[in-house]
Amino acid sequence: SLVDSKLIKSSDSLWKIALLYGDDWPHWKQELQDF
C-alpha cells in the first residue's frame, strides 16, 4: 500500500519503512531478519 501510494519506492531499502513504523519497528525488523 505504501508503494502503491508512492510514499516509498519498490527500489527503496527495507530500512526506509522503519521511519513509518516507529516504536513497532524493532519487532518488524526482527521478523524480517528471521526470514
Full PDB file with SEQRES, HELIX, SHEET, SSBOND, CRYST1, ORIGX, SCALE, CONECT and MASTER records, all heavy atoms in Angstrom:
SEQRES   1 A   35  SER LEU VAL ASP SER LYS LEU ILE LYS SER SER ASP SER          
SEQRES   2 A   35  LEU TRP LYS ILE ALA LEU LEU TYR GLY ASP ASP TRP PRO          
SEQRES   3 A   35  HIS TRP LYS GLN GLU LEU GLN ASP PHE                          
HELIX    1 AA1 LEU A   14  ILE A   17  5                                   4    
HELIX    2 AA2 ALA A   18  TYR A   21  1                                   4    
HELIX    3 AA3 GLY A   22  ASP A   24  5                                   3    
HELIX    4 AA4 TRP A   25  ASP A   34  1                                  10    
CRYST1    1.000    1.000    1.000  90.00  90.00  90.00 P 1           1          
ORIGX1      1.000000  0.000000  0.000000        0.00000                         
ORIGX2      0.000000  1.000000  0.000000        0.00000                         
ORIGX3      0.000000  0.000000  1.000000        0.00000                         
SCALE1      1.000000  0.000000  0.000000        0.00000                         
SCALE2      0.000000  1.000000  0.000000        0.00000                         
SCALE3      0.000000  0.000000  1.000000        0.00000                         
ATOM      1  N   SER A   1       0.828  -1.200   0.000  1.00  0.00           N  
ATOM      2  CA  SER A   1       0.000   0.000   0.000  1.00  0.00           C  
ATOM      3  C   SER A   1       0.869   1.259   0.000  1.00  0.00           C  
ATOM      4  O   SER A   1       0.557   2.240  -0.692  1.00  0.00           O  
ATOM      5  CB  SER A   1      -0.926  -0.008   1.212  1.00  0.00           C  
ATOM      6  OG  SER A   1      -1.686   1.157   1.265  1.00  0.00           O  
ATOM      7  N   LEU A   2       1.950   1.233   0.751  1.00  0.00           N  
ATOM      8  CA  LEU A   2       2.881   2.370   0.782  1.00  0.00           C  
ATOM      9  C   LEU A   2       3.513   2.595  -0.593  1.00  0.00           C  
ATOM     10  O   LEU A   2       3.679   3.734  -1.028  1.00  0.00           O  
ATOM     11  CB  LEU A   2       3.970   2.141   1.825  1.00  0.00           C  
ATOM     12  CG  LEU A   2       3.521   2.104   3.283  1.00  0.00           C  
ATOM     13  CD1 LEU A   2       4.669   1.657   4.178  1.00  0.00           C  
ATOM     14  CD2 LEU A   2       2.983   3.458   3.709  1.00  0.00           C  
ATOM     15  N   VAL A   3       3.852   1.506  -1.268  1.00  0.00           N  
ATOM     16  CA  VAL A   3       4.436   1.608  -2.607  1.00  0.00           C  
ATOM     17  C   VAL A   3       3.379   2.126  -3.587  1.00  0.00           C  
ATOM     18  O   VAL A   3       3.645   3.041  -4.383  1.00  0.00           O  
ATOM     19  CB  VAL A   3       5.004   0.245  -3.078  1.00  0.00           C  
ATOM     20  CG1 VAL A   3       5.401   0.297  -4.546  1.00  0.00           C  
ATOM     21  CG2 VAL A   3       6.201  -0.152  -2.213  1.00  0.00           C  
ATOM     22  N   ASP A   4       2.176   1.548  -3.518  1.00  0.00           N  
ATOM     23  CA  ASP A   4       1.099   1.966  -4.418  1.00  0.00           C  
ATOM     24  C   ASP A   4       0.749   3.436  -4.249  1.00  0.00           C  
ATOM     25  O   ASP A   4       0.403   4.120  -5.222  1.00  0.00           O  
ATOM     26  CB  ASP A   4      -0.152   1.108  -4.204  1.00  0.00           C  
ATOM     27  CG  ASP A   4       0.026  -0.328  -4.673  1.00  0.00           C  
ATOM     28  OD1 ASP A   4       1.006  -0.625  -5.397  1.00  0.00           O  
ATOM     29  OD2 ASP A   4      -0.820  -1.167  -4.301  1.00  0.00           O  
ATOM     30  N   SER A   5       0.840   3.937  -3.023  1.00  0.00           N  
ATOM     31  CA  SER A   5       0.531   5.343  -2.770  1.00  0.00           C  
ATOM     32  C   SER A   5       1.748   6.250  -2.953  1.00  0.00           C  
ATOM     33  O   SER A   5       1.671   7.444  -2.687  1.00  0.00           O  
ATOM     34  CB  SER A   5      -0.059   5.526  -1.375  1.00  0.00           C  
ATOM     35  OG  SER A   5       0.880   5.133  -0.394  1.00  0.00           O  
ATOM     36  N   LYS A   6       2.846   5.659  -3.401  1.00  0.00           N  
ATOM     37  CA  LYS A   6       4.080   6.396  -3.737  1.00  0.00           C  
ATOM     38  C   LYS A   6       4.775   7.032  -2.537  1.00  0.00           C  
ATOM     39  O   LYS A   6       5.559   7.967  -2.683  1.00  0.00           O  
ATOM     40  CB  LYS A   6       3.809   7.462  -4.805  1.00  0.00           C  
ATOM     41  CG  LYS A   6       3.052   6.960  -6.013  1.00  0.00           C  
ATOM     42  CD  LYS A   6       3.942   6.829  -7.205  1.00  0.00           C  
ATOM     43  CE  LYS A   6       3.168   6.517  -8.471  1.00  0.00           C  
ATOM     44  NZ  LYS A   6       2.990   5.131  -8.735  1.00  0.00           N  
ATOM     45  N   LEU A   7       4.492   6.517  -1.318  1.00  0.00           N  
ATOM     46  CA  LEU A   7       5.209   7.013  -0.142  1.00  0.00           C  
ATOM     47  C   LEU A   7       6.627   6.453  -0.098  1.00  0.00           C  
ATOM     48  O   LEU A   7       7.538   7.091   0.435  1.00  0.00           O  
ATOM     49  CB  LEU A   7       4.462   6.651   1.137  1.00  0.00           C  
ATOM     50  CG  LEU A   7       3.161   7.410   1.358  1.00  0.00           C  
ATOM     51  CD1 LEU A   7       2.411   6.848   2.549  1.00  0.00           C  
ATOM     52  CD2 LEU A   7       3.454   8.890   1.577  1.00  0.00           C  
ATOM     53  N   ILE A   8       6.793   5.240  -0.631  1.00  0.00           N  
ATOM     54  CA  ILE A   8       8.117   4.634  -0.799  1.00  0.00           C  
ATOM     55  C   ILE A   8       8.153   4.003  -2.178  1.00  0.00           C  
ATOM     56  O   ILE A   8       7.113   3.796  -2.814  1.00  0.00           O  
ATOM     57  CB  ILE A   8       8.432   3.569   0.285  1.00  0.00           C  
ATOM     58  CG1 ILE A   8       7.419   2.427   0.253  1.00  0.00           C  
ATOM     59  CG2 ILE A   8       8.517   4.205   1.657  1.00  0.00           C  
ATOM     60  CD1 ILE A   8       7.762   1.273   1.190  1.00  0.00           C  
ATOM     61  N   LYS A   9       9.364   3.709  -2.649  1.00  0.00           N  
ATOM     62  CA  LYS A   9       9.539   3.054  -3.945  1.00  0.00           C  
ATOM     63  C   LYS A   9       9.906   1.596  -3.714  1.00  0.00           C  
ATOM     64  O   LYS A   9      10.527   1.260  -2.701  1.00  0.00           O  
ATOM     65  CB  LYS A   9      10.663   3.723  -4.734  1.00  0.00           C  
ATOM     66  CG  LYS A   9      10.410   5.171  -5.047  1.00  0.00           C  
ATOM     67  CD  LYS A   9      11.616   5.762  -5.726  1.00  0.00           C  
ATOM     68  CE  LYS A   9      11.448   7.264  -5.866  1.00  0.00           C  
ATOM     69  NZ  LYS A   9      12.702   7.898  -6.271  1.00  0.00           N  
ATOM     70  N   SER A  10       9.555   0.746  -4.661  1.00  0.00           N  
ATOM     71  CA  SER A  10       9.905  -0.670  -4.525  1.00  0.00           C  
ATOM     72  C   SER A  10      11.415  -0.871  -4.543  1.00  0.00           C  
ATOM     73  O   SER A  10      11.913  -1.872  -4.050  1.00  0.00           O  
ATOM     74  CB  SER A  10       9.226  -1.504  -5.606  1.00  0.00           C  
ATOM     75  OG  SER A  10       9.651  -1.106  -6.889  1.00  0.00           O  
ATOM     76  N   SER A  11      12.148   0.098  -5.073  1.00  0.00           N  
ATOM     77  CA  SER A  11      13.610   0.007  -5.099  1.00  0.00           C  
ATOM     78  C   SER A  11      14.256   0.516  -3.814  1.00  0.00           C  
ATOM     79  O   SER A  11      15.461   0.339  -3.601  1.00  0.00           O  
ATOM     80  CB  SER A  11      14.165   0.790  -6.295  1.00  0.00           C  
ATOM     81  OG  SER A  11      13.762   2.151  -6.211  1.00  0.00           O  
ATOM     82  N   ASP A  12      13.464   1.135  -2.922  1.00  0.00           N  
ATOM     83  CA  ASP A  12      13.990   1.612  -1.637  1.00  0.00           C  
ATOM     84  C   ASP A  12      14.413   0.432  -0.771  1.00  0.00           C  
ATOM     85  O   ASP A  12      13.859  -0.660  -0.868  1.00  0.00           O  
ATOM     86  CB  ASP A  12      12.931   2.410  -0.875  1.00  0.00           C  
ATOM     87  CG  ASP A  12      12.679   3.786  -1.467  1.00  0.00           C  
ATOM     88  OD1 ASP A  12      13.548   4.292  -2.199  1.00  0.00           O  
ATOM     89  OD2 ASP A  12      11.597   4.349  -1.190  1.00  0.00           O  
ATOM     90  N   SER A  13      15.363   0.666   0.099  1.00  0.00           N  
ATOM     91  CA  SER A  13      15.797  -0.358   1.048  1.00  0.00           C  
ATOM     92  C   SER A  13      14.751  -0.555   2.130  1.00  0.00           C  
ATOM     93  O   SER A  13      14.011   0.372   2.470  1.00  0.00           O  
ATOM     94  CB  SER A  13      17.119   0.047   1.704  1.00  0.00           C  
ATOM     95  OG  SER A  13      18.127   0.164   0.734  1.00  0.00           O  
ATOM     96  N   LEU A  14      14.702  -1.772   2.672  1.00  0.00           N  
ATOM     97  CA  LEU A  14      13.726  -2.091   3.710  1.00  0.00           C  
ATOM     98  C   LEU A  14      13.827  -1.170   4.921  1.00  0.00           C  
ATOM     99  O   LEU A  14      12.819  -0.879   5.564  1.00  0.00           O  
ATOM    100  CB  LEU A  14      13.874  -3.548   4.158  1.00  0.00           C  
ATOM    101  CG  LEU A  14      13.363  -4.584   3.172  1.00  0.00           C  
ATOM    102  CD1 LEU A  14      13.748  -5.980   3.628  1.00  0.00           C  
ATOM    103  CD2 LEU A  14      11.853  -4.466   3.007  1.00  0.00           C  
ATOM    104  N   TRP A  15      15.037  -0.699   5.240  1.00  0.00           N  
ATOM    105  CA  TRP A  15      15.191   0.144   6.422  1.00  0.00           C  
ATOM    106  C   TRP A  15      14.332   1.404   6.333  1.00  0.00           C  
ATOM    107  O   TRP A  15      13.968   1.984   7.349  1.00  0.00           O  
ATOM    108  CB  TRP A  15      16.649   0.531   6.667  1.00  0.00           C  
ATOM    109  CG  TRP A  15      17.241   1.381   5.602  1.00  0.00           C  
ATOM    110  CD1 TRP A  15      18.015   0.969   4.558  1.00  0.00           C  
ATOM    111  CD2 TRP A  15      17.102   2.803   5.442  1.00  0.00           C  
ATOM    112  NE1 TRP A  15      18.353   2.042   3.755  1.00  0.00           N  
ATOM    113  CE2 TRP A  15      17.800   3.174   4.280  1.00  0.00           C  
ATOM    114  CE3 TRP A  15      16.444   3.793   6.159  1.00  0.00           C  
ATOM    115  CZ2 TRP A  15      17.865   4.488   3.820  1.00  0.00           C  
ATOM    116  CZ3 TRP A  15      16.516   5.105   5.701  1.00  0.00           C  
ATOM    117  CH2 TRP A  15      17.221   5.435   4.546  1.00  0.00           C  
ATOM    118  N   LYS A  16      13.961   1.802   5.122  1.00  0.00           N  
ATOM    119  CA  LYS A  16      13.179   3.027   4.961  1.00  0.00           C  
ATOM    120  C   LYS A  16      11.794   2.909   5.604  1.00  0.00           C  
ATOM    121  O   LYS A  16      11.235   3.901   6.064  1.00  0.00           O  
ATOM    122  CB  LYS A  16      13.048   3.384   3.487  1.00  0.00           C  
ATOM    123  CG  LYS A  16      12.583   4.796   3.257  1.00  0.00           C  
ATOM    124  CD  LYS A  16      12.814   5.221   1.841  1.00  0.00           C  
ATOM    125  CE  LYS A  16      12.512   6.692   1.677  1.00  0.00           C  
ATOM    126  NZ  LYS A  16      12.736   7.122   0.299  1.00  0.00           N  
ATOM    127  N   ILE A  17      11.253   1.702   5.684  1.00  0.00           N  
ATOM    128  CA  ILE A  17       9.935   1.561   6.313  1.00  0.00           C  
ATOM    129  C   ILE A  17      10.015   1.731   7.821  1.00  0.00           C  
ATOM    130  O   ILE A  17       9.005   1.941   8.471  1.00  0.00           O  
ATOM    131  CB  ILE A  17       9.217   0.248   5.911  1.00  0.00           C  
ATOM    132  CG1 ILE A  17       9.970  -0.992   6.374  1.00  0.00           C  
ATOM    133  CG2 ILE A  17       8.941   0.221   4.431  1.00  0.00           C  
ATOM    134  CD1 ILE A  17       9.255  -2.293   6.078  1.00  0.00           C  
ATOM    135  N   ALA A  18      11.221   1.689   8.361  1.00  0.00           N  
ATOM    136  CA  ALA A  18      11.404   1.910   9.803  1.00  0.00           C  
ATOM    137  C   ALA A  18      10.864   3.280  10.201  1.00  0.00           C  
ATOM    138  O   ALA A  18      10.301   3.445  11.283  1.00  0.00           O  
ATOM    139  CB  ALA A  18      12.871   1.801  10.178  1.00  0.00           C  
ATOM    140  N   LEU A  19      11.015   4.241   9.325  1.00  0.00           N  
ATOM    141  CA  LEU A  19      10.562   5.600   9.611  1.00  0.00           C  
ATOM    142  C   LEU A  19       9.047   5.651   9.792  1.00  0.00           C  
ATOM    143  O   LEU A  19       8.529   6.514  10.489  1.00  0.00           O  
ATOM    144  CB  LEU A  19      10.980   6.539   8.475  1.00  0.00           C  
ATOM    145  CG  LEU A  19      12.482   6.598   8.188  1.00  0.00           C  
ATOM    146  CD1 LEU A  19      12.747   7.401   6.934  1.00  0.00           C  
ATOM    147  CD2 LEU A  19      13.238   7.152   9.373  1.00  0.00           C  
ATOM    148  N   LEU A  20       8.351   4.722   9.172  1.00  0.00           N  
ATOM    149  CA  LEU A  20       6.887   4.718   9.216  1.00  0.00           C  
ATOM    150  C   LEU A  20       6.317   3.847  10.331  1.00  0.00           C  
ATOM    151  O   LEU A  20       5.163   3.989  10.699  1.00  0.00           O  
ATOM    152  CB  LEU A  20       6.346   4.239   7.863  1.00  0.00           C  
ATOM    153  CG  LEU A  20       6.820   5.077   6.673  1.00  0.00           C  
ATOM    154  CD1 LEU A  20       6.491   4.388   5.369  1.00  0.00           C  
ATOM    155  CD2 LEU A  20       6.195   6.460   6.723  1.00  0.00           C  
ATOM    156  N   TYR A  21       7.149   2.947  10.881  1.00  0.00           N  
ATOM    157  CA  TYR A  21       6.650   2.029  11.908  1.00  0.00           C  
ATOM    158  C   TYR A  21       7.026   2.434  13.328  1.00  0.00           C  
ATOM    159  O   TYR A  21       6.543   1.835  14.284  1.00  0.00           O  
ATOM    160  CB  TYR A  21       7.107   0.598  11.606  1.00  0.00           C  
ATOM    161  CG  TYR A  21       6.221  -0.030  10.568  1.00  0.00           C  
ATOM    162  CD1 TYR A  21       6.499   0.086   9.225  1.00  0.00           C  
ATOM    163  CD2 TYR A  21       5.070  -0.706  10.941  1.00  0.00           C  
ATOM    164  CE1 TYR A  21       5.662  -0.468   8.263  1.00  0.00           C  
ATOM    165  CE2 TYR A  21       4.226  -1.263   9.995  1.00  0.00           C  
ATOM    166  CZ  TYR A  21       4.530  -1.134   8.658  1.00  0.00           C  
ATOM    167  OH  TYR A  21       3.699  -1.667   7.716  1.00  0.00           O  
ATOM    168  N   GLY A  22       7.873   3.414  13.472  1.00  0.00           N  
ATOM    169  CA  GLY A  22       8.193   3.958  14.793  1.00  0.00           C  
ATOM    170  C   GLY A  22       8.554   2.909  15.831  1.00  0.00           C  
ATOM    171  O   GLY A  22       9.447   2.095  15.628  1.00  0.00           O  
ATOM    172  N   ASP A  23       7.824   2.910  16.943  1.00  0.00           N  
ATOM    173  CA  ASP A  23       8.125   2.021  18.069  1.00  0.00           C  
ATOM    174  C   ASP A  23       7.935   0.544  17.740  1.00  0.00           C  
ATOM    175  O   ASP A  23       8.485  -0.319  18.421  1.00  0.00           O  
ATOM    176  CB  ASP A  23       7.246   2.369  19.273  1.00  0.00           C  
ATOM    177  CG  ASP A  23       7.598   3.723  19.879  1.00  0.00           C  
ATOM    178  OD1 ASP A  23       8.710   4.234  19.605  1.00  0.00           O  
ATOM    179  OD2 ASP A  23       6.764   4.276  20.616  1.00  0.00           O  
ATOM    180  N   ASP A  24       7.139   0.246  16.716  1.00  0.00           N  
ATOM    181  CA  ASP A  24       6.920  -1.150  16.311  1.00  0.00           C  
ATOM    182  C   ASP A  24       8.049  -1.689  15.442  1.00  0.00           C  
ATOM    183  O   ASP A  24       8.093  -2.883  15.160  1.00  0.00           O  
ATOM    184  CB  ASP A  24       5.601  -1.284  15.538  1.00  0.00           C  
ATOM    185  CG  ASP A  24       4.392  -1.045  16.420  1.00  0.00           C  
ATOM    186  OD1 ASP A  24       4.498  -1.260  17.645  1.00  0.00           O  
ATOM    187  OD2 ASP A  24       3.345  -0.651  15.881  1.00  0.00           O  
ATOM    188  N   TRP A  25       8.936  -0.816  14.995  1.00  0.00           N  
ATOM    189  CA  TRP A  25       9.964  -1.236  14.056  1.00  0.00           C  
ATOM    190  C   TRP A  25      10.875  -2.343  14.584  1.00  0.00           C  
ATOM    191  O   TRP A  25      11.179  -3.287  13.844  1.00  0.00           O  
ATOM    192  CB  TRP A  25      10.794  -0.050  13.570  1.00  0.00           C  
ATOM    193  CG  TRP A  25      11.875  -0.506  12.645  1.00  0.00           C  
ATOM    194  CD1 TRP A  25      13.210  -0.380  12.831  1.00  0.00           C  
ATOM    195  CD2 TRP A  25      11.708  -1.201  11.405  1.00  0.00           C  
ATOM    196  NE1 TRP A  25      13.897  -0.944  11.789  1.00  0.00           N  
ATOM    197  CE2 TRP A  25      13.001  -1.455  10.891  1.00  0.00           C  
ATOM    198  CE3 TRP A  25      10.607  -1.639  10.676  1.00  0.00           C  
ATOM    199  CZ2 TRP A  25      13.211  -2.119   9.684  1.00  0.00           C  
ATOM    200  CZ3 TRP A  25      10.828  -2.305   9.467  1.00  0.00           C  
ATOM    201  CH2 TRP A  25      12.099  -2.541   8.997  1.00  0.00           C  
ATOM    202  N   PRO A  26      11.364  -2.306  15.825  1.00  0.00           N  
ATOM    203  CA  PRO A  26      12.243  -3.395  16.287  1.00  0.00           C  
ATOM    204  C   PRO A  26      11.613  -4.780  16.101  1.00  0.00           C  
ATOM    205  O   PRO A  26      12.296  -5.725  15.704  1.00  0.00           O  
ATOM    206  CB  PRO A  26      12.495  -3.072  17.758  1.00  0.00           C  
ATOM    207  CG  PRO A  26      12.350  -1.588  17.833  1.00  0.00           C  
ATOM    208  CD  PRO A  26      11.245  -1.268  16.852  1.00  0.00           C  
ATOM    209  N   HIS A  27      10.317  -4.883  16.359  1.00  0.00           N  
ATOM    210  CA  HIS A  27       9.623  -6.162  16.166  1.00  0.00           C  
ATOM    211  C   HIS A  27       9.642  -6.570  14.701  1.00  0.00           C  
ATOM    212  O   HIS A  27       9.995  -7.710  14.370  1.00  0.00           O  
ATOM    213  CB  HIS A  27       8.177  -6.054  16.657  1.00  0.00           C  
ATOM    214  CG  HIS A  27       7.325  -7.193  16.195  1.00  0.00           C  
ATOM    215  ND1 HIS A  27       7.405  -8.446  16.753  1.00  0.00           N  
ATOM    216  CD2 HIS A  27       6.396  -7.278  15.210  1.00  0.00           C  
ATOM    217  CE1 HIS A  27       6.558  -9.248  16.133  1.00  0.00           C  
ATOM    218  NE2 HIS A  27       5.931  -8.558  15.194  1.00  0.00           N  
ATOM    219  N   TRP A  28       9.253  -5.661  13.800  1.00  0.00           N  
ATOM    220  CA  TRP A  28       9.196  -5.994  12.369  1.00  0.00           C  
ATOM    221  C   TRP A  28      10.578  -6.228  11.789  1.00  0.00           C  
ATOM    222  O   TRP A  28      10.761  -7.086  10.925  1.00  0.00           O  
ATOM    223  CB  TRP A  28       8.440  -4.906  11.607  1.00  0.00           C  
ATOM    224  CG  TRP A  28       7.002  -4.932  11.948  1.00  0.00           C  
ATOM    225  CD1 TRP A  28       6.293  -3.965  12.591  1.00  0.00           C  
ATOM    226  CD2 TRP A  28       6.081  -6.004  11.707  1.00  0.00           C  
ATOM    227  NE1 TRP A  28       4.993  -4.377  12.767  1.00  0.00           N  
ATOM    228  CE2 TRP A  28       4.838  -5.613  12.236  1.00  0.00           C  
ATOM    229  CE3 TRP A  28       6.194  -7.254  11.110  1.00  0.00           C  
ATOM    230  CZ2 TRP A  28       3.716  -6.433  12.164  1.00  0.00           C  
ATOM    231  CZ3 TRP A  28       5.072  -8.068  11.044  1.00  0.00           C  
ATOM    232  CH2 TRP A  28       3.857  -7.666  11.560  1.00  0.00           C  
ATOM    233  N   LYS A  29      11.563  -5.482  12.263  1.00  0.00           N  
ATOM    234  CA  LYS A  29      12.941  -5.687  11.803  1.00  0.00           C  
ATOM    235  C   LYS A  29      13.386  -7.108  12.145  1.00  0.00           C  
ATOM    236  O   LYS A  29      13.961  -7.808  11.307  1.00  0.00           O  
ATOM    237  CB  LYS A  29      13.878  -4.661  12.451  1.00  0.00           C  
ATOM    238  CG  LYS A  29      15.326  -4.836  12.037  1.00  0.00           C  
ATOM    239  CD  LYS A  29      16.209  -3.804  12.716  1.00  0.00           C  
ATOM    240  CE  LYS A  29      17.666  -4.017  12.335  1.00  0.00           C  
ATOM    241  NZ  LYS A  29      18.547  -3.112  13.061  1.00  0.00           N  
ATOM    242  N   GLN A  30      13.106  -7.540  13.367  1.00  0.00           N  
ATOM    243  CA  GLN A  30      13.481  -8.892  13.786  1.00  0.00           C  
ATOM    244  C   GLN A  30      12.751  -9.937  12.958  1.00  0.00           C  
ATOM    245  O   GLN A  30      13.343 -10.935  12.533  1.00  0.00           O  
ATOM    246  CB  GLN A  30      13.200  -9.101  15.276  1.00  0.00           C  
ATOM    247  CG  GLN A  30      13.708 -10.438  15.796  1.00  0.00           C  
ATOM    248  CD  GLN A  30      15.221 -10.577  15.633  1.00  0.00           C  
ATOM    249  OE1 GLN A  30      15.974  -9.716  16.072  1.00  0.00           O  
ATOM    250  NE2 GLN A  30      15.660 -11.638  14.991  1.00  0.00           N  
ATOM    251  N   GLU A  31      11.471  -9.731  12.700  1.00  0.00           N  
ATOM    252  CA  GLU A  31      10.697 -10.654  11.862  1.00  0.00           C  
ATOM    253  C   GLU A  31      11.317 -10.762  10.469  1.00  0.00           C  
ATOM    254  O   GLU A  31      11.491 -11.861   9.940  1.00  0.00           O  
ATOM    255  CB  GLU A  31       9.237 -10.186  11.741  1.00  0.00           C  
ATOM    256  CG  GLU A  31       8.430 -10.354  12.996  1.00  0.00           C  
ATOM    257  CD  GLU A  31       8.075 -11.806  13.303  1.00  0.00           C  
ATOM    258  OE1 GLU A  31       7.872 -12.597  12.364  1.00  0.00           O  
ATOM    259  OE2 GLU A  31       7.991 -12.143  14.495  1.00  0.00           O  
ATOM    260  N   LEU A  32      11.637  -9.628   9.878  1.00  0.00           N  
ATOM    261  CA  LEU A  32      12.243  -9.629   8.544  1.00  0.00           C  
ATOM    262  C   LEU A  32      13.583 -10.365   8.558  1.00  0.00           C  
ATOM    263  O   LEU A  32      13.864 -11.176   7.674  1.00  0.00           O  
ATOM    264  CB  LEU A  32      12.426  -8.193   8.045  1.00  0.00           C  
ATOM    265  CG  LEU A  32      11.134  -7.478   7.642  1.00  0.00           C  
ATOM    266  CD1 LEU A  32      11.364  -5.976   7.553  1.00  0.00           C  
ATOM    267  CD2 LEU A  32      10.597  -8.032   6.327  1.00  0.00           C  
ATOM    268  N   GLN A  33      14.395 -10.099   9.556  1.00  0.00           N  
ATOM    269  CA  GLN A  33      15.689 -10.770   9.658  1.00  0.00           C  
ATOM    270  C   GLN A  33      15.520 -12.267   9.869  1.00  0.00           C  
ATOM    271  O   GLN A  33      16.276 -13.063   9.304  1.00  0.00           O  
ATOM    272  CB  GLN A  33      16.522 -10.152  10.778  1.00  0.00           C  
ATOM    273  CG  GLN A  33      16.995  -8.761  10.430  1.00  0.00           C  
ATOM    274  CD  GLN A  33      17.683  -8.057  11.591  1.00  0.00           C  
ATOM    275  OE1 GLN A  33      17.399  -8.299  12.748  1.00  0.00           O  
ATOM    276  NE2 GLN A  33      18.596  -7.155  11.246  1.00  0.00           N  
ATOM    277  N   ASP A  34      14.515 -12.670  10.643  1.00  0.00           N  
ATOM    278  CA  ASP A  34      14.246 -14.091  10.849  1.00  0.00           C  
ATOM    279  C   ASP A  34      13.907 -14.796   9.540  1.00  0.00           C  
ATOM    280  O   ASP A  34      14.149 -15.996   9.392  1.00  0.00           O  
ATOM    281  CB  ASP A  34      13.101 -14.294  11.848  1.00  0.00           C  
ATOM    282  CG  ASP A  34      13.496 -13.946  13.282  1.00  0.00           C  
ATOM    283  OD1 ASP A  34      14.704 -13.767  13.554  1.00  0.00           O  
ATOM    284  OD2 ASP A  34      12.582 -13.845  14.125  1.00  0.00           O  
ATOM    285  N   PHE A  35      13.343 -14.058   8.594  1.00  0.00           N  
ATOM    286  CA  PHE A  35      13.026 -14.619   7.286  1.00  0.00           C  
ATOM    287  C   PHE A  35      14.154 -14.416   6.276  1.00  0.00           C  
ATOM    288  O   PHE A  35      13.991 -14.672   5.088  1.00  0.00           O  
ATOM    289  CB  PHE A  35      11.717 -14.030   6.744  1.00  0.00           C  
ATOM    290  CG  PHE A  35      10.498 -14.686   7.327  1.00  0.00           C  
ATOM    291  CD1 PHE A  35       9.795 -14.079   8.358  1.00  0.00           C  
ATOM    292  CD2 PHE A  35      10.061 -15.913   6.864  1.00  0.00           C  
ATOM    293  CE1 PHE A  35       8.663 -14.681   8.904  1.00  0.00           C  
ATOM    294  CE2 PHE A  35       8.942 -16.524   7.398  1.00  0.00           C  
ATOM    295  CZ  PHE A  35       8.247 -15.906   8.429  1.00  0.00           C  
TER     296      PHE A  35                                                      
MASTER        0    0    0    4    0    0    0    6  295    1    0    3          
END                                                                             
